[in-house]
Every structure is written in C-alpha cells, then in structure tokens.
Amino acid sequence: MEIEIKEIDAKGYSMAKDGGKQIGMMTYSIAGESLLIIDHTEVDPAYSGKGVGNQMLDKIVEMARVKNVKIIPLCPFAASVFKKTDNYKDVLK
C-alpha cells in the first residue's frame, strides 16, 4: 500500500492506494501557515479494519511535524484516534 499527500491551494489530502487503486482518502483544509483541519476520512469497505485510516493519518501527522504545523481533527475518525493515543499530542491544536 502506498500513501501520498497532495495539496492544491488551501486543500490537501492523504490518499491510500493498493496496486494503483484508490482505497482511501483523508482530506484537510489549510487554515494558515501553521494549521491544518482534518475534515473527512473515507476508506473502501473492502479495506475496513485494515489500518488504512491510521496510515493516512500517520502520513499527515508526519508532514505536520516536518512543517511545524498543528492539526485540528474535526473528522470523527481522526478525532477518535487523537483521543485514543498520546502519539499525536505534539501536533494537536
């Protein structure tokens, strides 16, 4: 599985692909130079429970750390992951 991040204007996403097929996407809005708002997560039902959402979130968090950006997890999935672990406290707004 490959995870890529793309940004266009004030929007961005982390996309998961398996063999070139899109299997998941986590979208975010860029709210200034130091803030991202994760607003939606979608995973192909065939890949449910296989950690696709977590891997996409990990990629966004990794990018946020490099850019010194904070994250507001509005998406219910991202919000639940942020609440369950301390691993992302450094990027939580």
Protein backbone atom coordinates (compact mmCIF):
# COMPACT_ATOMS: atom_id res chain seq x y z
CA MET A 1 0.00 0.00 0.00
CA GLU A 2 1.24 3.45 -0.90
CA ILE A 3 0.20 6.67 0.87
CA GLU A 4 0.69 10.02 -0.86
CA ILE A 5 -0.06 13.59 0.16
CA LYS A 6 -1.16 16.27 -2.28
CA GLU A 7 -2.01 19.93 -1.70
CA ILE A 8 -3.91 22.22 -4.05
CA ASP A 9 -4.50 25.81 -2.95
CA ALA A 10 -5.99 25.69 0.57
CA LYS A 11 -6.93 21.99 0.47
CA GLY A 12 -4.99 18.78 0.79
CA TYR A 13 -5.40 15.06 1.12
CA SER A 14 -3.67 11.86 2.06
CA MET A 15 -4.57 9.09 -0.39
CA ALA A 16 -4.05 5.36 0.07
CA LYS A 17 -3.58 3.16 -2.98
CA ASP A 18 -3.24 -0.58 -3.32
CA GLY A 19 -1.82 -1.71 -6.65
CA GLY A 20 -2.68 1.67 -8.18
CA LYS A 21 -6.31 1.51 -7.00
CA GLN A 22 -7.51 4.24 -4.62
CA ILE A 23 -8.66 2.60 -1.39
CA GLY A 24 -8.87 5.59 0.95
CA MET A 25 -8.68 9.35 1.29
CA MET A 26 -8.35 11.73 4.22
CA THR A 27 -8.96 15.38 3.37
CA TYR A 28 -7.88 18.53 5.16
CA SER A 29 -8.09 22.29 4.85
CA ILE A 30 -5.05 24.51 5.20
CA ALA A 31 -6.05 27.23 7.67
CA GLY A 32 -2.98 29.45 7.57
CA GLU A 33 0.73 28.72 7.64
CA SER A 34 0.64 26.71 10.86
CA LEU A 35 -2.75 24.98 10.98
CA LEU A 36 -4.49 22.06 9.25
CA ILE A 37 -8.07 20.94 9.79
CA ILE A 38 -8.73 17.28 9.01
CA ASP A 39 -12.33 17.21 7.83
CA HIS A 40 -13.10 13.84 6.23
CA THR A 41 -11.92 10.24 6.05
CA GLU A 42 -13.14 7.62 3.62
CA VAL A 43 -11.94 4.02 3.22
CA ASP A 44 -13.12 1.41 0.70
CA PRO A 45 -15.34 -1.02 2.67
CA ALA A 46 -13.23 -3.94 1.40
CA TYR A 47 -10.30 -2.48 3.38
CA SER A 48 -12.23 -1.65 6.55
CA GLY A 49 -10.39 -2.62 9.74
CA LYS A 50 -7.02 -2.97 7.99
CA GLY A 51 -5.45 0.25 9.34
CA VAL A 52 -5.80 2.29 6.15
CA GLY A 53 -7.22 5.30 8.00
CA ASN A 54 -4.44 5.17 10.59
CA GLN A 55 -1.77 5.04 7.90
CA MET A 56 -3.24 8.06 6.11
CA LEU A 57 -3.38 9.95 9.42
CA ASP A 58 0.21 8.96 10.22
CA LYS A 59 1.33 10.45 6.89
CA ILE A 60 -0.46 13.76 7.60
CA VAL A 61 0.99 13.89 11.14
CA GLU A 62 4.48 13.16 9.78
CA MET A 63 4.10 16.03 7.29
CA ALA A 64 2.75 18.34 10.02
CA ARG A 65 5.78 17.65 12.20
CA VAL A 66 8.18 18.45 9.36
CA LYS A 67 6.34 21.71 8.58
CA ASN A 68 5.80 22.57 12.28
CA VAL A 69 2.03 22.68 11.76
CA LYS A 70 -0.75 21.97 14.28
CA ILE A 71 -3.84 19.87 13.49
CA ILE A 72 -7.50 20.24 14.42
CA PRO A 73 -9.14 16.82 13.89
CA LEU A 74 -12.76 17.68 13.01
CA CYS A 75 -13.36 14.41 11.18
CA PRO A 76 -14.91 11.87 13.61
CA PHE A 77 -12.35 9.20 12.69
CA ALA A 78 -9.32 11.47 13.16
CA ALA A 79 -10.79 12.93 16.36
CA SER A 80 -11.26 9.44 17.83
CA VAL A 81 -7.67 8.45 17.02
CA PHE A 82 -6.31 11.67 18.58
CA LYS A 83 -8.34 10.93 21.74
CA LYS A 84 -7.15 7.31 21.98
CA THR A 85 -3.41 7.95 21.76
CA ASP A 86 -0.80 10.34 23.06
CA ASN A 87 1.37 9.77 19.96
CA TYR A 88 -0.03 12.85 18.23
CA LYS A 89 -0.21 15.31 21.17
CA ASP A 90 2.68 17.34 19.77
CA VAL A 91 0.65 18.31 16.67
CA LEU A 92 -2.79 18.68 18.30
CA LYS A 93 -4.18 22.21 18.33
